[in-house]
């Protein structure tokens, strides 16, 4: 991220964020890049340097709480989507940004979607990669119901990692399972654990599993249930800005069909979808496809005809499929 300015921001809740920023040129929008687990903001380096900055878009890419150079506070309150959206709004204020386009991958897609729910006045578009838009829910999280639904519609449960990530015992439990010789295998077979550490990073104090996994625990404990219900009651579940979903055809966690649910509910009135032959980390596997697709979509939605003409020529000379409109 060497072409961006590294900055920090301490929130009203006394949590310190580290983020990287480059301002947009002229009237182009700024993209708020939100990584998932277990990545830091540098996940976006290729997209930022090869495409977004090259086309004069602004970029604000934070290390989310619990990741990278940002704080890793105790407690789950810092990992509520509603709280983190407010923190991100403070970062926008610090840079004088009125509206941005959130771009989220994996768990970052939840935050991107939540910006549409909790701060719709601060966004002018929405993009998610590898995870379809996640609308607010009126129901408490229930893994068993989630499993049944996923097996019914997908043929398999895509969320078995939730029970593992939210085990009682916090980050040490995860470390004991995954960073100890034979730990995970023995736990799967008979629930016993080994104690010999074999990976160096398991002994580095700054590398912790606890903080990233707190995001999943916050979901399981329904910490945002009340504010999500309030958002539904006020009609803020509808995405009233252009939405772009990029799905990996080889992604078992979030197949392209995952967006059919919110589409059928009529909450994505201005949606486009792109499918690429990649798995979950599609922006790493297919950087050119993803970069051109996002820049083309931005050009179409925000009327930069020069960019559109250039990309039209580029796409005609490649095997990349054109965008498919999914307006409902």
C-alpha atoms as a PDB file:
ATOM      1  CA  UNK A   1       0.000   0.000   0.000  1.00  0.00           C
ATOM      2  CA  UNK A   2       3.019   2.224  -0.598  1.00  0.00           C
ATOM      3  CA  UNK A   3       1.133   4.776  -2.736  1.00  0.00           C
ATOM      4  CA  UNK A   4      -1.357   5.482   0.042  1.00  0.00           C
ATOM      5  CA  UNK A   5      -0.928   7.542   3.193  1.00  0.00           C
ATOM      6  CA  UNK A   6      -0.906   5.519   6.396  1.00  0.00           C
ATOM      7  CA  UNK A   7      -3.041   7.132   9.097  1.00  0.00           C
ATOM      8  CA  UNK A   8      -4.558   6.352  12.491  1.00  0.00           C
ATOM      9  CA  UNK A   9      -7.827   7.305  14.133  1.00  0.00           C
ATOM     10  CA  UNK A  10      -8.918   6.853  17.741  1.00  0.00           C
ATOM     11  CA  UNK A  11     -12.685   6.515  18.059  1.00  0.00           C
ATOM     12  CA  UNK A  12     -15.005   7.812  20.756  1.00  0.00           C
ATOM     13  CA  UNK A  13     -14.897   4.302  22.258  1.00  0.00           C
ATOM     14  CA  UNK A  14     -11.092   4.637  22.521  1.00  0.00           C
ATOM     15  CA  UNK A  15     -10.315   2.082  19.816  1.00  0.00           C
ATOM     16  CA  UNK A  16      -7.440   2.890  17.471  1.00  0.00           C
ATOM     17  CA  UNK A  17      -7.809   2.179  13.759  1.00  0.00           C
ATOM     18  CA  UNK A  18      -4.993   2.153  11.241  1.00  0.00           C
ATOM     19  CA  UNK A  19      -6.026   2.923   7.680  1.00  0.00           C
ATOM     20  CA  UNK A  20      -4.534   3.805   4.300  1.00  0.00           C
ATOM     21  CA  UNK A  21      -5.903   6.678   2.254  1.00  0.00           C
ATOM     22  CA  UNK A  22      -5.573   8.332  -1.133  1.00  0.00           C
ATOM     23  CA  UNK A  23      -7.939  11.078  -2.238  1.00  0.00           C
ATOM     24  CA  UNK A  24      -9.912  10.895  -5.467  1.00  0.00           C
ATOM     25  CA  UNK A  25      -9.178  13.058  -8.476  1.00  0.00           C
ATOM     26  CA  UNK A  26     -11.875  15.469  -9.600  1.00  0.00           C
ATOM     27  CA  UNK A  27     -15.390  14.153  -9.009  1.00  0.00           C
ATOM     28  CA  UNK A  28     -14.570  10.456  -8.873  1.00  0.00           C
ATOM     29  CA  UNK A  29     -15.890   8.600  -5.814  1.00  0.00           C
ATOM     30  CA  UNK A  30     -13.881   7.077  -2.995  1.00  0.00           C
ATOM     31  CA  UNK A  31     -14.075   3.357  -2.295  1.00  0.00           C
ATOM     32  CA  UNK A  32     -14.103   2.110   1.303  1.00  0.00           C
ATOM     33  CA  UNK A  33     -12.312  -1.257   1.149  1.00  0.00           C
ATOM     34  CA  UNK A  34     -13.303  -3.688   3.913  1.00  0.00           C
ATOM     35  CA  UNK A  35     -11.329  -6.914   4.248  1.00  0.00           C
ATOM     36  CA  UNK A  36     -12.512 -10.128   5.895  1.00  0.00           C
ATOM     37  CA  UNK A  37     -11.025 -12.844   8.079  1.00  0.00           C
ATOM     38  CA  UNK A  38      -8.095 -13.477   8.400  1.00  0.00           C
ATOM     39  CA  UNK A  39      -6.792 -10.704   6.152  1.00  0.00           C
ATOM     40  CA  UNK A  40      -5.522  -7.171   6.813  1.00  0.00           C
ATOM     41  CA  UNK A  41      -6.102  -4.186   4.537  1.00  0.00           C
ATOM     42  CA  UNK A  42      -3.167  -5.215   2.332  1.00  0.00           C
ATOM     43  CA  UNK A  43      -5.495  -7.817   0.809  1.00  0.00           C
ATOM     44  CA  UNK A  44      -6.547  -5.018  -1.538  1.00  0.00           C
ATOM     45  CA  UNK A  45      -3.044  -3.997  -2.682  1.00  0.00           C
ATOM     46  CA  UNK A  46      -3.316  -5.352  -6.215  1.00  0.00           C
ATOM     47  CA  UNK A  47      -6.749  -3.866  -6.836  1.00  0.00           C
ATOM     48  CA  UNK A  48      -5.691  -0.518  -5.375  1.00  0.00           C
ATOM     49  CA  UNK A  49      -2.421  -0.074  -7.249  1.00  0.00           C
ATOM     50  CA  UNK A  50      -3.248  -1.694 -10.581  1.00  0.00           C
ATOM     51  CA  UNK A  51      -6.775  -0.378 -11.037  1.00  0.00           C
ATOM     52  CA  UNK A  52      -8.358   2.040  -8.569  1.00  0.00           C
ATOM     53  CA  UNK A  53      -5.511   4.533  -8.328  1.00  0.00           C
ATOM     54  CA  UNK A  54      -4.783   4.181 -12.034  1.00  0.00           C
ATOM     55  CA  UNK A  55      -8.306   5.415 -12.768  1.00  0.00           C
ATOM     56  CA  UNK A  56      -8.120   8.235 -10.195  1.00  0.00           C
ATOM     57  CA  UNK A  57     -10.533   6.745  -7.664  1.00  0.00           C
ATOM     58  CA  UNK A  58     -10.133   7.544  -4.008  1.00  0.00           C
ATOM     59  CA  UNK A  59      -9.332   4.736  -1.572  1.00  0.00           C
ATOM     60  CA  UNK A  60      -9.783   4.363   2.175  1.00  0.00           C
ATOM     61  CA  UNK A  61      -8.691   0.914   3.377  1.00  0.00           C
ATOM     62  CA  UNK A  62      -8.729   0.245   7.139  1.00  0.00           C
ATOM     63  CA  UNK A  63      -7.343  -2.603   9.155  1.00  0.00           C
ATOM     64  CA  UNK A  64     -10.576  -3.502  10.911  1.00  0.00           C
ATOM     65  CA  UNK A  65     -10.639  -3.824  14.687  1.00  0.00           C
ATOM     66  CA  UNK A  66      -8.882  -7.028  15.696  1.00  0.00           C
ATOM     67  CA  UNK A  67      -6.732  -7.174  12.550  1.00  0.00           C
ATOM     68  CA  UNK A  68      -3.400  -5.871  11.300  1.00  0.00           C
ATOM     69  CA  UNK A  69      -2.173  -2.664  12.914  1.00  0.00           C
ATOM     70  CA  UNK A  70      -5.517  -1.690  14.461  1.00  0.00           C
ATOM     71  CA  UNK A  71      -6.377  -2.278  18.120  1.00  0.00           C
ATOM     72  CA  UNK A  72      -7.392  -5.695  19.404  1.00  0.00           C
ATOM     73  CA  UNK A  73      -9.536  -4.736  22.393  1.00  0.00           C
ATOM     74  CA  UNK A  74     -11.154  -7.125  24.841  1.00  0.00           C
ATOM     75  CA  UNK A  75     -14.909  -7.601  24.655  1.00  0.00           C
ATOM     76  CA  UNK A  76     -17.412  -8.004  21.865  1.00  0.00           C
ATOM     77  CA  UNK A  77     -18.882  -4.496  21.810  1.00  0.00           C
ATOM     78  CA  UNK A  78     -16.104  -3.355  19.464  1.00  0.00           C
ATOM     79  CA  UNK A  79     -17.085  -6.102  17.003  1.00  0.00           C
ATOM     80  CA  UNK A  80     -20.722  -5.176  16.463  1.00  0.00           C
ATOM     81  CA  UNK A  81     -21.372  -4.242  12.851  1.00  0.00           C
ATOM     82  CA  UNK A  82     -23.383  -1.193  13.915  1.00  0.00           C
ATOM     83  CA  UNK A  83     -20.541   0.096  16.108  1.00  0.00           C
ATOM     84  CA  UNK A  84     -17.906  -0.484  13.471  1.00  0.00           C
ATOM     85  CA  UNK A  85     -19.970   1.296  10.836  1.00  0.00           C
ATOM     86  CA  UNK A  86     -20.070   4.308  13.163  1.00  0.00           C
ATOM     87  CA  UNK A  87     -16.290   4.070  13.580  1.00  0.00           C
ATOM     88  CA  UNK A  88     -15.857   3.990   9.812  1.00  0.00           C
ATOM     89  CA  UNK A  89     -18.140   7.010   9.478  1.00  0.00           C
ATOM     90  CA  UNK A  90     -15.778   8.835  11.849  1.00  0.00           C
ATOM     91  CA  UNK A  91     -12.890   7.942   9.530  1.00  0.00           C
ATOM     92  CA  UNK A  92     -14.837   9.401   6.603  1.00  0.00           C
ATOM     93  CA  UNK A  93     -15.432  12.571   8.604  1.00  0.00           C
ATOM     94  CA  UNK A  94     -11.724  12.857   9.379  1.00  0.00           C
ATOM     95  CA  UNK A  95     -10.985  12.872   5.636  1.00  0.00           C
ATOM     96  CA  UNK A  96     -13.853  15.201   4.740  1.00  0.00           C
ATOM     97  CA  UNK A  97     -15.714  12.496   2.828  1.00  0.00           C
ATOM     98  CA  UNK A  98     -19.482  12.772   2.591  1.00  0.00           C
ATOM     99  CA  UNK A  99     -20.268   9.569   0.695  1.00  0.00           C
ATOM    100  CA  UNK A 100     -18.265   6.497  -0.314  1.00  0.00           C
ATOM    101  CA  UNK A 101     -18.779   3.149  -2.013  1.00  0.00           C
ATOM    102  CA  UNK A 102     -18.174   0.325   0.490  1.00  0.00           C
ATOM    103  CA  UNK A 103     -16.448  -2.694  -1.053  1.00  0.00           C
ATOM    104  CA  UNK A 104     -16.452  -5.763   1.179  1.00  0.00           C
ATOM    105  CA  UNK A 105     -15.011  -9.263   1.017  1.00  0.00           C
ATOM    106  CA  UNK A 106     -15.886 -12.151   3.334  1.00  0.00           C
ATOM    107  CA  UNK A 107     -16.767 -10.704   6.752  1.00  0.00           C
ATOM    108  CA  UNK A 108     -16.063  -7.276   5.302  1.00  0.00           C
ATOM    109  CA  UNK A 109     -19.122  -7.833   3.104  1.00  0.00           C
ATOM    110  CA  UNK A 110     -21.219  -7.824   6.277  1.00  0.00           C
ATOM    111  CA  UNK A 111     -19.791  -4.415   7.176  1.00  0.00           C
ATOM    112  CA  UNK A 112     -20.278  -3.132   3.639  1.00  0.00           C
ATOM    113  CA  UNK A 113     -23.900  -4.284   3.711  1.00  0.00           C
ATOM    114  CA  UNK A 114     -24.347  -2.867   7.212  1.00  0.00           C
ATOM    115  CA  UNK A 115     -23.285   0.563   5.984  1.00  0.00           C
ATOM    116  CA  UNK A 116     -26.302   0.424   3.691  1.00  0.00           C
ATOM    117  CA  UNK A 117     -28.452  -0.472   6.696  1.00  0.00           C
ATOM    118  CA  UNK A 118     -27.088   1.828   9.396  1.00  0.00           C
ATOM    119  CA  UNK A 119     -25.613   4.739   7.405  1.00  0.00           C
ATOM    120  CA  UNK A 120     -27.448   4.830   4.056  1.00  0.00           C
ATOM    121  CA  UNK A 121     -26.795   8.570   3.830  1.00  0.00           C
ATOM    122  CA  UNK A 122     -23.033   7.931   3.672  1.00  0.00           C
ATOM    123  CA  UNK A 123     -22.942   5.595   0.671  1.00  0.00           C
ATOM    124  CA  UNK A 124     -23.463   6.092  -3.045  1.00  0.00           C
ATOM    125  CA  UNK A 125     -22.957   2.469  -4.116  1.00  0.00           C
ATOM    126  CA  UNK A 126     -22.206  -1.000  -2.735  1.00  0.00           C
ATOM    127  CA  UNK A 127     -19.900  -3.819  -3.864  1.00  0.00           C
ATOM    128  CA  UNK A 128     -19.390  -7.240  -2.301  1.00  0.00           C
ATOM    129  CA  UNK A 129     -16.955  -9.942  -3.402  1.00  0.00           C
ATOM    130  CA  UNK A 130     -17.201 -13.604  -2.470  1.00  0.00           C
ATOM    131  CA  UNK A 131     -20.119 -12.937  -0.121  1.00  0.00           C
ATOM    132  CA  UNK A 132     -23.549 -11.764  -1.221  1.00  0.00           C
ATOM    133  CA  UNK A 133     -25.288  -8.775   0.349  1.00  0.00           C
ATOM    134  CA  UNK A 134     -26.326  -9.493   3.951  1.00  0.00           C
ATOM    135  CA  UNK A 135     -29.547  -7.673   4.880  1.00  0.00           C
ATOM    136  CA  UNK A 136     -30.625  -7.047   8.479  1.00  0.00           C
ATOM    137  CA  UNK A 137     -32.479  -9.926  10.097  1.00  0.00           C
ATOM    138  CA  UNK A 138     -35.498  -9.868  12.407  1.00  0.00           C
ATOM    139  CA  UNK A 139     -34.452 -13.199  13.940  1.00  0.00           C
ATOM    140  CA  UNK A 140     -31.871 -14.313  16.465  1.00  0.00           C
ATOM    141  CA  UNK A 141     -28.898 -16.228  15.089  1.00  0.00           C
ATOM    142  CA  UNK A 142     -29.655 -19.958  15.200  1.00  0.00           C
ATOM    143  CA  UNK A 143     -26.956 -22.163  13.734  1.00  0.00           C
ATOM    144  CA  UNK A 144     -29.201 -25.215  13.494  1.00  0.00           C
ATOM    145  CA  UNK A 145     -31.783 -23.304  11.466  1.00  0.00           C
ATOM    146  CA  UNK A 146     -28.995 -21.863   9.301  1.00  0.00           C
ATOM    147  CA  UNK A 147     -27.630 -25.354   8.686  1.00  0.00           C
ATOM    148  CA  UNK A 148     -31.046 -26.713   7.705  1.00  0.00           C
ATOM    149  CA  UNK A 149     -31.685 -23.812   5.321  1.00  0.00           C
ATOM    150  CA  UNK A 150     -28.272 -24.081   3.651  1.00  0.00           C
ATOM    151  CA  UNK A 151     -28.565 -27.832   3.216  1.00  0.00           C
ATOM    152  CA  UNK A 152     -32.023 -27.377   1.697  1.00  0.00           C
ATOM    153  CA  UNK A 153     -31.029 -24.730  -0.850  1.00  0.00           C
ATOM    154  CA  UNK A 154     -27.335 -25.489  -1.461  1.00  0.00           C
ATOM    155  CA  UNK A 155     -27.152 -29.192  -0.729  1.00  0.00           C
ATOM    156  CA  UNK A 156     -24.560 -28.655   2.010  1.00  0.00           C
ATOM    157  CA  UNK A 157     -23.898 -26.440   5.023  1.00  0.00           C
ATOM    158  CA  UNK A 158     -21.417 -23.687   4.183  1.00  0.00           C
ATOM    159  CA  UNK A 159     -21.081 -22.412   7.765  1.00  0.00           C
ATOM    160  CA  UNK A 160     -19.627 -25.259   9.808  1.00  0.00           C
ATOM    161  CA  UNK A 161     -16.773 -22.958  10.787  1.00  0.00           C
ATOM    162  CA  UNK A 162     -19.118 -20.986  13.064  1.00  0.00           C
ATOM    163  CA  UNK A 163     -19.187 -23.634  15.846  1.00  0.00           C
ATOM    164  CA  UNK A 164     -15.389 -23.847  15.732  1.00  0.00           C
ATOM    165  CA  UNK A 165     -14.784 -20.090  15.620  1.00  0.00           C
ATOM    166  CA  UNK A 166     -17.163 -19.436  18.518  1.00  0.00           C
ATOM    167  CA  UNK A 167     -16.005 -22.147  20.913  1.00  0.00           C
ATOM    168  CA  UNK A 168     -15.964 -21.193  24.575  1.00  0.00           C
ATOM    169  CA  UNK A 169     -12.474 -20.370  25.749  1.00  0.00           C
ATOM    170  CA  UNK A 170     -11.684 -17.568  23.339  1.00  0.00           C
ATOM    171  CA  UNK A 171      -8.594 -17.321  21.193  1.00  0.00           C
ATOM    172  CA  UNK A 172      -6.535 -19.715  23.286  1.00  0.00           C
ATOM    173  CA  UNK A 173      -8.939 -22.513  22.430  1.00  0.00           C
ATOM    174  CA  UNK A 174      -8.473 -21.827  18.725  1.00  0.00           C
ATOM    175  CA  UNK A 175      -4.703 -21.733  19.206  1.00  0.00           C
ATOM    176  CA  UNK A 176      -4.764 -25.042  21.066  1.00  0.00           C
ATOM    177  CA  UNK A 177      -6.692 -26.615  18.223  1.00  0.00           C
ATOM    178  CA  UNK A 178      -4.865 -25.217  15.219  1.00  0.00           C
ATOM    179  CA  UNK A 179      -1.356 -24.328  16.401  1.00  0.00           C
ATOM    180  CA  UNK A 180      -0.517 -27.391  18.474  1.00  0.00           C
ATOM    181  CA  UNK A 181       0.831 -30.647  17.113  1.00  0.00           C
ATOM    182  CA  UNK A 182      -2.118 -32.953  16.464  1.00  0.00           C
ATOM    183  CA  UNK A 183      -4.506 -30.596  18.234  1.00  0.00           C
ATOM    184  CA  UNK A 184      -7.233 -30.333  15.633  1.00  0.00           C
ATOM    185  CA  UNK A 185      -7.097 -33.998  14.656  1.00  0.00           C
ATOM    186  CA  UNK A 186      -7.333 -35.202  18.253  1.00  0.00           C
ATOM    187  CA  UNK A 187     -10.162 -32.785  18.984  1.00  0.00           C
ATOM    188  CA  UNK A 188     -12.106 -34.040  15.983  1.00  0.00           C
ATOM    189  CA  UNK A 189     -11.612 -37.650  17.062  1.00  0.00           C
ATOM    190  CA  UNK A 190     -11.926 -37.583  20.832  1.00  0.00           C
ATOM    191  CA  UNK A 191     -11.967 -33.954  22.019  1.00  0.00           C
ATOM    192  CA  UNK A 192      -8.504 -34.201  23.604  1.00  0.00           C
ATOM    193  CA  UNK A 193      -5.820 -31.582  23.041  1.00  0.00           C
ATOM    194  CA  UNK A 194      -2.047 -31.621  22.777  1.00  0.00           C
ATOM    195  CA  UNK A 195       0.122 -28.946  24.352  1.00  0.00           C
ATOM    196  CA  UNK A 196       3.323 -28.745  22.320  1.00  0.00           C
ATOM    197  CA  UNK A 197       3.460 -25.600  20.217  1.00  0.00           C
ATOM    198  CA  UNK A 198       5.024 -26.166  16.840  1.00  0.00           C
ATOM    199  CA  UNK A 199       4.342 -22.952  14.918  1.00  0.00           C
ATOM    200  CA  UNK A 200       6.388 -19.866  15.635  1.00  0.00           C
ATOM    201  CA  UNK A 201       3.516 -17.455  15.121  1.00  0.00           C
ATOM    202  CA  UNK A 202       1.568 -19.208  17.877  1.00  0.00           C
ATOM    203  CA  UNK A 203       4.142 -17.804  20.314  1.00  0.00           C
ATOM    204  CA  UNK A 204       4.136 -14.246  19.013  1.00  0.00           C
ATOM    205  CA  UNK A 205       2.098 -12.159  21.405  1.00  0.00           C
ATOM    206  CA  UNK A 206       0.903  -9.714  18.758  1.00  0.00           C
ATOM    207  CA  UNK A 207      -0.589 -12.473  16.622  1.00  0.00           C
ATOM    208  CA  UNK A 208      -3.796 -13.498  18.362  1.00  0.00           C
ATOM    209  CA  UNK A 209      -6.829 -15.435  17.286  1.00  0.00           C
ATOM    210  CA  UNK A 210      -9.100 -13.971  19.925  1.00  0.00           C
ATOM    211  CA  UNK A 211      -9.815 -10.578  18.372  1.00  0.00           C
ATOM    212  CA  UNK A 212     -10.668 -11.750  14.822  1.00  0.00           C
ATOM    213  CA  UNK A 213     -12.921 -14.491  16.169  1.00  0.00           C
ATOM    214  CA  UNK A 214     -14.799 -11.993  18.332  1.00  0.00           C
ATOM    215  CA  UNK A 215     -16.533 -10.848  15.125  1.00  0.00           C
ATOM    216  CA  UNK A 216     -18.203 -14.246  14.818  1.00  0.00           C
ATOM    217  CA  UNK A 217     -19.097 -14.332  18.505  1.00  0.00           C
ATOM    218  CA  UNK A 218     -20.789 -10.943  18.201  1.00  0.00           C
ATOM    219  CA  UNK A 219     -22.987 -12.362  15.425  1.00  0.00           C
ATOM    220  CA  UNK A 220     -23.811 -15.538  17.360  1.00  0.00           C
ATOM    221  CA  UNK A 221     -24.710 -13.516  20.459  1.00  0.00           C
ATOM    222  CA  UNK A 222     -27.108 -11.308  18.463  1.00  0.00           C
ATOM    223  CA  UNK A 223     -25.583  -8.049  19.669  1.00  0.00           C
ATOM    224  CA  UNK A 224     -27.093  -6.116  16.752  1.00  0.00           C
ATOM    225  CA  UNK A 225     -30.507  -7.779  16.781  1.00  0.00           C
ATOM    226  CA  UNK A 226     -32.421  -4.793  18.167  1.00  0.00           C
ATOM    227  CA  UNK A 227     -30.914  -2.225  15.795  1.00  0.00           C
ATOM    228  CA  UNK A 228     -31.452  -4.574  12.852  1.00  0.00           C
ATOM    229  CA  UNK A 229     -35.102  -4.949  13.783  1.00  0.00           C
ATOM    230  CA  UNK A 230     -35.396  -1.161  13.999  1.00  0.00           C
ATOM    231  CA  UNK A 231     -33.782  -0.839  10.562  1.00  0.00           C
ATOM    232  CA  UNK A 232     -36.285  -3.284   9.100  1.00  0.00           C
ATOM    233  CA  UNK A 233     -39.186  -1.411  10.655  1.00  0.00           C
ATOM    234  CA  UNK A 234     -37.984   1.847   9.081  1.00  0.00           C
ATOM    235  CA  UNK A 235     -37.437   0.345   5.623  1.00  0.00           C
ATOM    236  CA  UNK A 236     -33.643   0.583   5.677  1.00  0.00           C
ATOM    237  CA  UNK A 237     -33.254  -3.012   4.492  1.00  0.00           C
ATOM    238  CA  UNK A 238     -33.715  -1.923   0.869  1.00  0.00           C
ATOM    239  CA  UNK A 239     -30.442  -1.083  -0.913  1.00  0.00           C
ATOM    240  CA  UNK A 240     -31.339   2.128  -2.713  1.00  0.00           C
ATOM    241  CA  UNK A 241     -27.952   2.563  -4.402  1.00  0.00           C
ATOM    242  CA  UNK A 242     -26.338   0.593  -7.242  1.00  0.00           C
ATOM    243  CA  UNK A 243     -25.137  -2.810  -5.993  1.00  0.00           C
ATOM    244  CA  UNK A 244     -22.488  -4.995  -7.636  1.00  0.00           C
ATOM    245  CA  UNK A 245     -21.989  -8.624  -6.545  1.00  0.00           C
ATOM    246  CA  UNK A 246     -18.938 -10.567  -7.728  1.00  0.00           C
ATOM    247  CA  UNK A 247     -19.215 -14.309  -7.104  1.00  0.00           C
ATOM    248  CA  UNK A 248     -16.592 -17.021  -7.458  1.00  0.00           C
ATOM    249  CA  UNK A 249     -17.882 -20.051  -9.343  1.00  0.00           C
ATOM    250  CA  UNK A 250     -15.567 -22.272  -7.271  1.00  0.00           C
ATOM    251  CA  UNK A 251     -16.432 -20.627  -3.942  1.00  0.00           C
ATOM    252  CA  UNK A 252     -18.025 -23.150  -1.539  1.00  0.00           C
ATOM    253  CA  UNK A 253     -18.634 -20.515   1.149  1.00  0.00           C
ATOM    254  CA  UNK A 254     -20.822 -18.186  -0.887  1.00  0.00           C
ATOM    255  CA  UNK A 255     -21.961 -19.497  -4.266  1.00  0.00           C
ATOM    256  CA  UNK A 256     -23.435 -17.177  -6.863  1.00  0.00           C
ATOM    257  CA  UNK A 257     -26.924 -18.386  -5.970  1.00  0.00           C
ATOM    258  CA  UNK A 258     -26.566 -16.914  -2.467  1.00  0.00           C
ATOM    259  CA  UNK A 259     -27.825 -13.567  -3.744  1.00  0.00           C
ATOM    260  CA  UNK A 260     -31.147 -15.029  -4.884  1.00  0.00           C
ATOM    261  CA  UNK A 261     -32.660 -14.670  -1.410  1.00  0.00           C
ATOM    262  CA  UNK A 262     -32.340 -10.879  -1.098  1.00  0.00           C
ATOM    263  CA  UNK A 263     -33.157 -10.490  -4.801  1.00  0.00           C
ATOM    264  CA  UNK A 264     -36.425 -12.383  -4.361  1.00  0.00           C
ATOM    265  CA  UNK A 265     -37.321 -10.069  -1.472  1.00  0.00           C
ATOM    266  CA  UNK A 266     -37.070  -7.067  -3.789  1.00  0.00           C
ATOM    267  CA  UNK A 267     -34.422  -5.314  -1.692  1.00  0.00           C
ATOM    268  CA  UNK A 268     -31.822  -5.053  -4.486  1.00  0.00           C
ATOM    269  CA  UNK A 269     -33.599  -2.932  -7.119  1.00  0.00           C
ATOM    270  CA  UNK A 270     -30.402  -1.836  -8.890  1.00  0.00           C
ATOM    271  CA  UNK A 271     -28.130  -4.858  -8.927  1.00  0.00           C
ATOM    272  CA  UNK A 272     -25.517  -6.236 -11.288  1.00  0.00           C
ATOM    273  CA  UNK A 273     -23.694  -9.534 -10.916  1.00  0.00           C
ATOM    274  CA  UNK A 274     -20.425 -10.903 -12.272  1.00  0.00           C
ATOM    275  CA  UNK A 275     -19.302 -14.505 -11.956  1.00  0.00           C
ATOM    276  CA  UNK A 276     -15.619 -15.387 -12.230  1.00  0.00           C
ATOM    277  CA  UNK A 277     -13.924 -18.768 -12.310  1.00  0.00           C
ATOM    278  CA  UNK A 278     -12.318 -18.426  -8.891  1.00  0.00           C
ATOM    279  CA  UNK A 279     -12.770 -19.491  -5.293  1.00  0.00           C
ATOM    280  CA  UNK A 280     -13.295 -17.357  -2.191  1.00  0.00           C
ATOM    281  CA  UNK A 281     -10.309 -14.991  -2.553  1.00  0.00           C
ATOM    282  CA  UNK A 282     -11.293 -14.061  -6.084  1.00  0.00           C
ATOM    283  CA  UNK A 283      -9.412 -10.730  -6.095  1.00  0.00           C
ATOM    284  CA  UNK A 284      -6.161 -12.630  -5.560  1.00  0.00           C
ATOM    285  CA  UNK A 285      -6.847 -15.398  -8.073  1.00  0.00           C
ATOM    286  CA  UNK A 286      -8.371 -13.244 -10.826  1.00  0.00           C
ATOM    287  CA  UNK A 287      -7.081  -9.741 -10.202  1.00  0.00           C
ATOM    288  CA  UNK A 288      -7.413  -8.577 -13.817  1.00  0.00           C
ATOM    289  CA  UNK A 289     -10.973  -9.883 -14.123  1.00  0.00           C
ATOM    290  CA  UNK A 290     -11.995  -8.289 -10.835  1.00  0.00           C
ATOM    291  CA  UNK A 291     -10.182  -5.016 -11.464  1.00  0.00           C
ATOM    292  CA  UNK A 292     -11.659  -4.498 -14.928  1.00  0.00           C
ATOM    293  CA  UNK A 293     -15.117  -5.537 -13.752  1.00  0.00           C
ATOM    294  CA  UNK A 294     -15.163  -3.046 -10.881  1.00  0.00           C
ATOM    295  CA  UNK A 295     -13.810  -0.177 -12.975  1.00  0.00           C
ATOM    296  CA  UNK A 296     -16.277  -0.955 -15.764  1.00  0.00           C
ATOM    297  CA  UNK A 297     -19.176  -1.034 -13.289  1.00  0.00           C
ATOM    298  CA  UNK A 298     -18.055   2.246 -11.758  1.00  0.00           C
ATOM    299  CA  UNK A 299     -17.876   3.798 -15.202  1.00  0.00           C
ATOM    300  CA  UNK A 300     -21.342   2.603 -16.159  1.00  0.00           C
ATOM    301  CA  UNK A 301     -22.971   3.648 -12.902  1.00  0.00           C
ATOM    302  CA  UNK A 302     -21.258   6.996 -12.493  1.00  0.00           C
ATOM    303  CA  UNK A 303     -21.185   8.032 -16.165  1.00  0.00           C
ATOM    304  CA  UNK A 304     -17.477   8.335 -16.926  1.00  0.00           C
ATOM    305  CA  UNK A 305     -17.757   7.644 -20.597  1.00  0.00           C
ATOM    306  CA  UNK A 306     -14.057   7.814 -21.345  1.00  0.00           C
ATOM    307  CA  UNK A 307     -13.424   4.959 -18.945  1.00  0.00           C
ATOM    308  CA  UNK A 308     -16.336   2.995 -20.390  1.00  0.00           C
ATOM    309  CA  UNK A 309     -15.011   3.309 -23.940  1.00  0.00           C
ATOM    310  CA  UNK A 310     -11.542   2.192 -22.866  1.00  0.00           C
ATOM    311  CA  UNK A 311     -12.885  -0.785 -20.959  1.00  0.00           C
ATOM    312  CA  UNK A 312     -15.205  -1.739 -23.785  1.00  0.00           C
ATOM    313  CA  UNK A 313     -12.181  -2.113 -26.042  1.00  0.00           C
ATOM    314  CA  UNK A 314     -10.272  -3.998 -23.322  1.00  0.00           C
ATOM    315  CA  UNK A 315     -13.120  -6.402 -22.634  1.00  0.00           C
ATOM    316  CA  UNK A 316     -13.730  -7.079 -26.328  1.00  0.00           C
ATOM    317  CA  UNK A 317     -10.134  -8.222 -26.659  1.00  0.00           C
ATOM    318  CA  UNK A 318     -10.344 -10.555 -23.638  1.00  0.00           C
ATOM    319  CA  UNK A 319     -12.362 -13.544 -22.529  1.00  0.00           C
ATOM    320  CA  UNK A 320     -13.935 -11.702 -19.607  1.00  0.00           C
ATOM    321  CA  UNK A 321     -17.755 -11.884 -19.733  1.00  0.00           C
ATOM    322  CA  UNK A 322     -19.711  -8.654 -19.679  1.00  0.00           C
ATOM    323  CA  UNK A 323     -21.754  -7.567 -16.713  1.00  0.00           C
ATOM    324  CA  UNK A 324     -25.163  -9.136 -16.313  1.00  0.00           C
ATOM    325  CA  UNK A 325     -27.914  -6.840 -15.091  1.00  0.00           C
ATOM    326  CA  UNK A 326     -30.049  -8.393 -12.387  1.00  0.00           C
ATOM    327  CA  UNK A 327     -32.487  -5.560 -11.851  1.00  0.00           C
ATOM    328  CA  UNK A 328     -35.674  -6.742 -10.173  1.00  0.00           C
END
